[in-house]
Amino acid sequence: MKLFVAGVSHRTAPVEVREQLAVTPSRLVEETGRLQEEGQLDEVVLLSTCNRVEIYGVTRDEPRSSDSLLTVLGCSELDLRLHGYFNESIEAARHLFRVASGLDSMVLGETEITGQVKTAYEAARAAHLTGPVLNRVFQKAFQTVKEIRTQTSIGRGATSVGSVAVELAERIFRHDLSQHKVIIIGAGQLGETCVRHFAKKGARSILVSNRSFDRAIELASQFGGEAVRFEESLEAVTHVDILVAATGCPNTLLRRVDVESLMRRRKNRPLFLIDIAVPRNIDAHVQSLEGVYLYNIDDLQALVRENVRSRQQDLAKCGQIIDAGVSAVMAKLVLEIEKPQLFLRPRLSFLPT
């Protein structure tokens, strides 16, 4: 039996590539099942976030290449050989531990990634797509994350894409958001992080828009903001200084023609757009318009590098904790992986209900 991980991340592929592989939460179980069937995998977990798409798998056969597996997600026109990576056995386990603990994130020590990894794992486990190997490796990874959070300060400070987006907005307005209005489109985990941090930084007015208006009301009320119906969000942008797009929608929500119209109504008052969604929610061509300033998730890298420098001292300790966790779980798995008869089970076609 072979344990492996195949994927792309912010380290190997730009957002233009990652967004074509991204899987929305509503399709996660279906796509994981398809990977299990088409990739001839005995166990599989699919992780899709704004910064990475990764396949964790176990197979009794020789695993397919990284680009071959990722192509199952529907991007045959991409040359993924330029962007994919592939690790097996102990290195695959080490990679998972680093990802789950935020050490491989764009924002070093990111805390949101742990929840995203758990969600991906639980979705696969509930669909009976994991087994003895991945169950043990993922559960040990979560245990190791707890040790890292307890024994180091790696997760303090700006520790999520959402918090870094707010930090960028602060810099744009010289660290004073008290006179500026912001609208957050998207009320999921990423949007909630943005709302929380904008409120903490004293933004003058916070608008929240979401396809589910009830969810927008719920989130806005927690932080003294105002909910905006999704179909009215474009009109609301006329009155704000900053728009943050953070939805899980796979389509473009703000087109160039929309922004052109907005800018006329705004009399070309500057508009700052921060698109941290993957796939992107804002047409990249809007940045050619006068007075419009667009930043996507890859543009946050400069701020992230500064945050990394402040946490370097904890990296050695984190590495030691991960090495210990990986060694422990692999020691338990090595005999089982070498004895496939303990694991073999019929490969069943996955049929979503």
Protein backbone atom coordinates (compact mmCIF):
# COMPACT_ATOMS: atom_id res chain seq x y z
CA MET A 1 0.00 0.00 0.00
CA LYS A 2 1.32 3.44 -0.91
CA LEU A 3 0.52 6.70 0.86
CA PHE A 4 0.93 9.84 -1.28
CA VAL A 5 -0.06 13.46 -1.78
CA ALA A 6 -0.42 15.19 -5.15
CA GLY A 7 -1.29 18.85 -5.55
CA VAL A 8 -0.66 22.48 -6.40
CA SER A 9 -0.37 25.40 -3.99
CA HIS A 10 0.44 29.08 -3.82
CA ARG A 11 4.10 28.02 -3.78
CA THR A 12 3.92 26.28 -7.16
CA ALA A 13 1.03 27.81 -9.10
CA PRO A 14 -0.46 31.30 -9.55
CA VAL A 15 -4.08 31.98 -8.72
CA GLU A 16 -4.93 31.74 -12.46
CA VAL A 17 -4.07 28.02 -12.28
CA ARG A 18 -5.38 27.27 -8.78
CA GLU A 19 -8.81 28.69 -9.52
CA GLN A 20 -9.27 26.27 -12.42
CA LEU A 21 -8.73 23.31 -10.09
CA ALA A 22 -10.68 24.66 -7.12
CA VAL A 23 -13.62 22.60 -5.88
CA THR A 24 -16.56 24.29 -4.17
CA PRO A 25 -17.78 22.88 -0.83
CA SER A 26 -21.02 21.69 -2.44
CA ARG A 27 -19.05 19.49 -4.88
CA LEU A 28 -16.37 18.28 -2.49
CA VAL A 29 -17.81 14.84 -1.70
CA GLU A 30 -18.77 14.17 -5.32
CA GLU A 31 -15.32 15.12 -6.64
CA THR A 32 -13.54 13.13 -3.92
CA GLY A 33 -15.57 10.07 -4.89
CA ARG A 34 -14.75 10.60 -8.54
CA LEU A 35 -11.06 10.76 -7.70
CA GLN A 36 -11.35 7.50 -5.80
CA GLU A 37 -12.97 5.78 -8.75
CA GLU A 38 -11.03 7.23 -11.67
CA GLY A 39 -7.69 7.23 -9.84
CA GLN A 40 -8.20 3.64 -8.61
CA LEU A 41 -7.53 4.71 -5.03
CA ASP A 42 -8.29 2.68 -1.91
CA GLU A 43 -8.51 5.79 0.25
CA VAL A 44 -8.68 9.48 -0.64
CA VAL A 45 -9.14 12.96 0.85
CA LEU A 46 -9.49 16.05 -1.36
CA LEU A 47 -8.45 19.40 0.10
CA SER A 48 -9.41 22.58 -1.80
CA THR A 49 -8.73 26.04 -0.34
CA CYS A 50 -7.88 29.46 -1.75
CA ASN A 51 -4.19 28.54 -1.66
CA ARG A 52 -4.08 24.85 -2.55
CA VAL A 53 -5.75 21.85 -4.13
CA GLU A 54 -4.34 18.57 -2.81
CA ILE A 55 -5.19 14.89 -3.13
CA TYR A 56 -4.16 12.63 -0.24
CA GLY A 57 -4.44 9.04 -1.31
CA VAL A 58 -3.63 5.40 -0.56
CA THR A 59 -3.35 2.83 -3.34
CA ARG A 60 -2.24 -0.76 -3.70
CA ASP A 61 -1.00 0.07 -7.21
CA GLU A 62 1.63 2.47 -8.47
CA PRO A 63 0.02 5.90 -8.01
CA ARG A 64 -0.62 8.08 -11.04
CA SER A 65 1.45 11.24 -11.52
CA SER A 66 0.43 14.49 -9.88
CA ASP A 67 -0.71 16.12 -13.12
CA SER A 68 -2.64 13.00 -14.13
CA LEU A 69 -4.58 12.90 -10.86
CA LEU A 70 -5.29 16.63 -10.83
CA THR A 71 -6.57 16.45 -14.40
CA VAL A 72 -9.42 14.29 -13.07
CA LEU A 73 -10.79 17.53 -11.60
CA GLY A 74 -11.49 18.71 -15.15
CA CYS A 75 -8.56 20.81 -16.37
CA SER A 76 -7.09 18.71 -19.15
CA GLU A 77 -6.02 21.85 -21.05
CA LEU A 78 -3.60 22.89 -18.29
CA ASP A 79 0.00 21.67 -18.34
CA LEU A 80 0.10 20.78 -14.67
CA ARG A 81 3.57 19.30 -14.96
CA LEU A 82 4.81 22.85 -14.46
CA HIS A 83 2.93 23.36 -11.21
CA GLY A 84 2.19 20.06 -9.48
CA TYR A 85 4.09 18.26 -6.74
CA PHE A 86 4.02 14.68 -5.56
CA ASN A 87 5.26 13.12 -2.30
CA GLU A 88 5.07 9.54 -1.03
CA SER A 89 5.23 7.73 2.29
CA ILE A 90 6.91 9.68 5.11
CA GLU A 91 7.24 12.83 3.00
CA ALA A 92 3.51 12.74 2.21
CA ALA A 93 2.75 12.50 5.93
CA ARG A 94 5.19 15.31 6.73
CA HIS A 95 3.57 17.49 4.08
CA LEU A 96 0.11 16.94 5.61
CA PHE A 97 1.38 17.80 9.10
CA ARG A 98 2.94 21.03 7.80
CA VAL A 99 -0.20 21.98 5.90
CA ALA A 100 -2.55 21.28 8.82
CA SER A 101 -0.39 23.31 11.21
CA GLY A 102 -0.15 26.32 8.90
CA LEU A 103 3.56 25.95 8.21
CA ASP A 104 3.03 25.60 4.46
CA SER A 105 0.45 28.40 4.26
CA MET A 106 0.90 31.76 2.59
CA VAL A 107 0.35 33.23 6.05
CA LEU A 108 2.78 31.34 8.28
CA GLY A 109 0.94 29.86 11.24
CA GLU A 110 -2.48 30.35 9.63
CA THR A 111 -5.17 28.94 11.91
CA GLU A 112 -8.04 28.63 9.41
CA ILE A 113 -6.29 25.90 7.43
CA THR A 114 -6.66 23.42 10.29
CA GLY A 115 -10.44 23.70 10.08
CA GLN A 116 -10.34 23.38 6.31
CA VAL A 117 -8.25 20.19 6.53
CA LYS A 118 -10.65 18.78 9.13
CA THR A 119 -13.65 19.58 6.93
CA ALA A 120 -12.07 17.82 3.94
CA TYR A 121 -11.15 14.79 6.03
CA GLU A 122 -14.55 14.50 7.72
CA ALA A 123 -16.34 14.79 4.36
CA ALA A 124 -14.27 11.92 2.95
CA ARG A 125 -14.60 9.83 6.09
CA ALA A 126 -18.39 10.27 6.21
CA ALA A 127 -18.56 9.13 2.58
CA HIS A 128 -16.51 6.02 3.45
CA LEU A 129 -13.62 7.19 1.26
CA THR A 130 -10.96 6.93 3.96
CA GLY A 131 -9.66 3.85 5.72
CA PRO A 132 -7.09 2.71 8.29
CA VAL A 133 -4.13 4.59 6.77
CA LEU A 134 -5.60 8.03 6.17
CA ASN A 135 -7.68 7.90 9.34
CA ARG A 136 -4.58 7.31 11.42
CA VAL A 137 -2.42 9.86 9.58
CA PHE A 138 -5.00 12.66 9.65
CA GLN A 139 -5.91 12.10 13.29
CA LYS A 140 -2.23 12.21 14.27
CA ALA A 141 -1.83 15.39 12.23
CA PHE A 142 -4.61 17.11 14.21
CA GLN A 143 -3.04 15.96 17.47
CA THR A 144 0.29 17.43 16.35
CA VAL A 145 -1.36 20.74 15.44
CA LYS A 146 -2.62 21.02 19.04
CA GLU A 147 0.91 20.47 20.34
CA ILE A 148 2.28 23.18 18.06
CA ARG A 149 -0.41 25.68 19.10
CA THR A 150 0.27 24.90 22.77
CA GLN A 151 4.06 24.86 22.73
CA THR A 152 4.83 27.70 20.27
CA SER A 153 3.54 31.17 19.36
CA ILE A 154 3.44 30.41 15.63
CA GLY A 155 -0.28 31.18 15.44
CA ARG A 156 -0.23 34.65 17.00
CA GLY A 157 -0.68 37.88 15.08
CA ALA A 158 -2.09 38.10 11.54
CA THR A 159 -2.75 34.41 10.99
CA SER A 160 -5.24 34.18 8.13
CA VAL A 161 -5.75 35.45 4.62
CA GLY A 162 -8.67 37.49 5.93
CA SER A 163 -6.61 39.23 8.59
CA VAL A 164 -3.84 40.01 6.11
CA ALA A 165 -6.42 41.49 3.72
CA VAL A 166 -7.51 43.87 6.50
CA GLU A 167 -3.87 44.68 7.21
CA LEU A 168 -3.51 45.64 3.54
CA ALA A 169 -6.55 47.92 3.80
CA GLU A 170 -4.98 49.58 6.84
CA ARG A 171 -1.82 50.33 4.89
CA ILE A 172 -3.79 51.77 2.00
CA PHE A 173 -5.45 54.24 4.35
CA ARG A 174 -2.42 55.00 6.53
CA HIS A 175 -3.56 52.82 9.43
CA ASP A 176 -6.79 54.76 9.97
CA LEU A 177 -9.99 53.06 8.86
CA SER A 178 -12.25 55.17 11.07
CA GLN A 179 -13.32 57.40 8.17
CA HIS A 180 -13.81 54.66 5.61
CA LYS A 181 -16.62 52.32 4.60
CA VAL A 182 -16.15 48.70 3.58
CA ILE A 183 -18.37 46.01 2.09
CA ILE A 184 -17.61 42.31 2.48
CA ILE A 185 -19.22 40.08 -0.13
CA GLY A 186 -19.35 36.57 1.29
CA ALA A 187 -20.32 35.55 4.82
CA GLY A 188 -18.50 32.25 5.08
CA GLN A 189 -15.45 31.61 7.24
CA LEU A 190 -13.22 33.89 5.17
CA GLY A 191 -15.78 36.68 5.06
CA GLU A 192 -16.40 36.40 8.79
CA THR A 193 -12.69 36.76 9.48
CA CYS A 194 -12.60 39.95 7.42
CA VAL A 195 -15.64 41.42 9.17
CA ARG A 196 -14.20 40.64 12.58
CA HIS A 197 -10.86 42.28 11.81
CA PHE A 198 -12.37 45.36 10.14
CA ALA A 199 -14.55 45.84 13.21
CA LYS A 200 -11.52 45.43 15.47
CA LYS A 201 -9.63 48.06 13.46
CA GLY A 202 -12.49 50.55 13.83
CA ALA A 203 -13.81 50.79 10.28
CA ARG A 204 -16.43 53.54 10.06
CA SER A 205 -19.07 51.33 8.45
CA ILE A 206 -19.15 47.64 7.58
CA LEU A 207 -21.63 46.22 5.08
CA VAL A 208 -22.07 42.47 4.67
CA SER A 209 -23.63 40.89 1.59
CA ASN A 210 -24.31 37.21 1.00
CA ARG A 211 -26.57 35.05 -1.14
CA SER A 212 -28.26 33.97 2.08
CA PHE A 213 -29.58 37.26 3.45
CA ASP A 214 -30.26 35.67 6.84
CA ARG A 215 -26.59 34.75 7.14
CA ALA A 216 -25.60 38.32 6.16
CA ILE A 217 -27.89 39.68 8.88
CA GLU A 218 -26.48 37.25 11.44
CA LEU A 219 -22.86 38.16 10.70
CA ALA A 220 -23.40 41.90 10.40
CA SER A 221 -25.33 42.07 13.68
CA GLN A 222 -22.46 40.43 15.57
CA PHE A 223 -20.15 43.30 14.73
CA GLY A 224 -22.45 46.30 14.49
CA GLY A 225 -22.56 46.21 10.71
CA GLU A 226 -25.35 46.37 8.16
CA ALA A 227 -26.62 43.54 5.95
CA VAL A 228 -27.13 44.12 2.24
CA ARG A 229 -29.13 41.86 -0.03
CA PHE A 230 -26.92 40.11 -2.55
CA GLU A 231 -28.78 41.55 -5.55
CA GLU A 232 -28.29 45.06 -4.11
CA SER A 233 -24.59 44.71 -3.33
CA LEU A 234 -23.43 46.34 -6.57
CA GLU A 235 -25.42 49.49 -5.81
CA ALA A 236 -23.98 49.53 -2.27
CA VAL A 237 -20.44 49.67 -3.69
CA THR A 238 -21.24 53.19 -4.91
CA HIS A 239 -20.88 54.41 -1.34
CA VAL A 240 -17.90 52.44 0.01
CA ASP A 241 -14.13 52.85 -0.16
CA ILE A 242 -13.15 49.19 0.03
CA LEU A 243 -14.74 46.03 -1.32
CA VAL A 244 -13.53 42.61 -0.20
CA ALA A 245 -14.70 39.65 -2.25
CA ALA A 246 -14.59 36.43 -0.23
CA THR A 247 -17.25 34.10 -1.59
CA GLY A 248 -17.14 30.46 -2.61
CA CYS A 249 -18.87 31.29 -5.89
CA PRO A 250 -17.06 29.86 -8.94
CA ASN A 251 -18.21 32.72 -11.18
CA THR A 252 -17.15 36.34 -11.72
CA LEU A 253 -19.38 38.57 -9.61
CA LEU A 254 -17.93 41.96 -10.49
CA ARG A 255 -17.27 42.54 -14.21
CA ARG A 256 -15.35 45.37 -15.84
CA VAL A 257 -18.52 46.88 -17.26
CA ASP A 258 -20.07 46.88 -13.76
CA VAL A 259 -17.11 48.75 -12.29
CA GLU A 260 -17.09 51.25 -15.16
CA SER A 261 -20.69 52.11 -14.36
CA LEU A 262 -19.90 52.32 -10.65
CA MET A 263 -16.99 54.68 -11.19
CA ARG A 264 -19.16 57.08 -13.19
CA ARG A 265 -21.65 57.22 -10.32
CA ARG A 266 -18.78 57.63 -7.85
CA LYS A 267 -17.37 60.50 -9.96
CA ASN A 268 -14.14 58.44 -10.15
CA ARG A 269 -13.60 58.52 -6.38
CA PRO A 270 -10.92 55.83 -5.74
CA LEU A 271 -12.18 52.31 -5.17
CA PHE A 272 -10.03 49.62 -3.60
CA LEU A 273 -10.93 46.03 -4.42
CA ILE A 274 -9.44 43.09 -2.52
CA ASP A 275 -10.30 39.76 -4.11
CA ILE A 276 -9.31 36.88 -1.83
CA ALA A 277 -11.68 34.37 -3.40
CA VAL A 278 -10.47 31.38 -5.42
CA PRO A 279 -11.82 31.17 -8.09
CA ARG A 280 -11.58 34.96 -8.27
CA ASN A 281 -14.79 36.95 -7.95
CA ILE A 282 -13.58 40.12 -9.67
CA ASP A 283 -12.64 40.48 -13.33
CA ALA A 284 -8.87 41.15 -13.45
CA HIS A 285 -9.41 43.69 -16.25
CA VAL A 286 -10.98 46.21 -13.83
CA GLN A 287 -7.48 47.23 -12.73
CA SER A 288 -7.04 49.09 -16.03
CA LEU A 289 -9.79 51.53 -15.04
CA GLU A 290 -8.79 54.92 -13.66
CA GLY A 291 -9.18 55.16 -9.91
CA VAL A 292 -9.63 51.40 -9.43
CA TYR A 293 -7.04 49.46 -7.44
CA LEU A 294 -7.36 45.67 -7.45
CA TYR A 295 -5.45 43.26 -5.24
CA ASN A 296 -5.85 39.49 -5.43
CA ILE A 297 -4.75 36.82 -3.02
CA ASP A 298 -1.29 36.53 -4.57
CA ASP A 299 -0.73 40.28 -4.09
CA LEU A 300 -0.78 39.78 -0.31
CA GLN A 301 2.59 38.03 -0.45
CA ALA A 302 4.65 41.10 0.52
CA LEU A 303 2.76 41.54 3.78
CA VAL A 304 2.97 37.83 4.43
CA ARG A 305 6.76 37.86 4.09
CA GLU A 306 6.96 40.48 6.83
CA ASN A 307 4.80 38.35 9.12
CA VAL A 308 6.99 35.32 8.39
CA ARG A 309 10.11 37.09 9.61
CA SER A 310 8.49 37.74 12.99
CA ARG A 311 7.75 34.02 13.45
CA GLN A 312 10.99 32.46 12.24
CA GLN A 313 12.17 31.74 15.78
CA ASP A 314 9.32 29.25 16.28
CA LEU A 315 9.96 27.26 13.11
CA ALA A 316 12.67 25.02 14.56
CA LYS A 317 10.43 24.00 17.47
CA CYS A 318 7.52 23.34 15.10
CA GLY A 319 9.77 21.19 12.95
CA GLN A 320 10.80 19.08 15.94
CA ILE A 321 7.16 18.51 16.95
CA ILE A 322 6.20 17.53 13.40
CA ASP A 323 9.18 15.18 13.04
CA ALA A 324 8.18 13.43 16.27
CA GLY A 325 4.55 13.11 15.16
CA VAL A 326 5.43 11.84 11.70
CA SER A 327 7.90 9.29 13.07
CA ALA A 328 5.32 8.01 15.56
CA VAL A 329 2.53 7.53 13.03
CA MET A 330 4.78 6.04 10.35
CA ALA A 331 6.23 3.55 12.82
CA LYS A 332 2.70 2.26 13.41
CA LEU A 333 1.85 2.21 9.73
CA VAL A 334 5.00 0.73 8.26
CA LEU A 335 4.14 -2.89 9.01
CA GLU A 336 0.55 -2.42 7.89
CA ILE A 337 1.54 -0.69 4.64
CA GLU A 338 3.96 -3.52 3.92
CA LYS A 339 1.17 -6.06 4.44
CA PRO A 340 -1.52 -5.03 1.96
CA GLN A 341 -3.72 -7.98 2.85
CA LEU A 342 -4.60 -6.16 6.06
CA PHE A 343 -6.04 -3.29 4.08
CA LEU A 344 -7.37 -4.59 0.83
CA ARG A 345 -11.07 -4.08 0.35
CA PRO A 346 -13.15 -4.09 -2.81
CA ARG A 347 -13.03 -0.83 -4.72
CA LEU A 348 -16.58 0.35 -5.00
CA SER A 349 -17.83 2.87 -7.49
CA PHE A 350 -18.82 6.03 -5.66
CA LEU A 351 -22.39 7.05 -6.29
CA PRO A 352 -23.46 10.37 -4.71
CA THR A 353 -26.80 10.31 -3.00
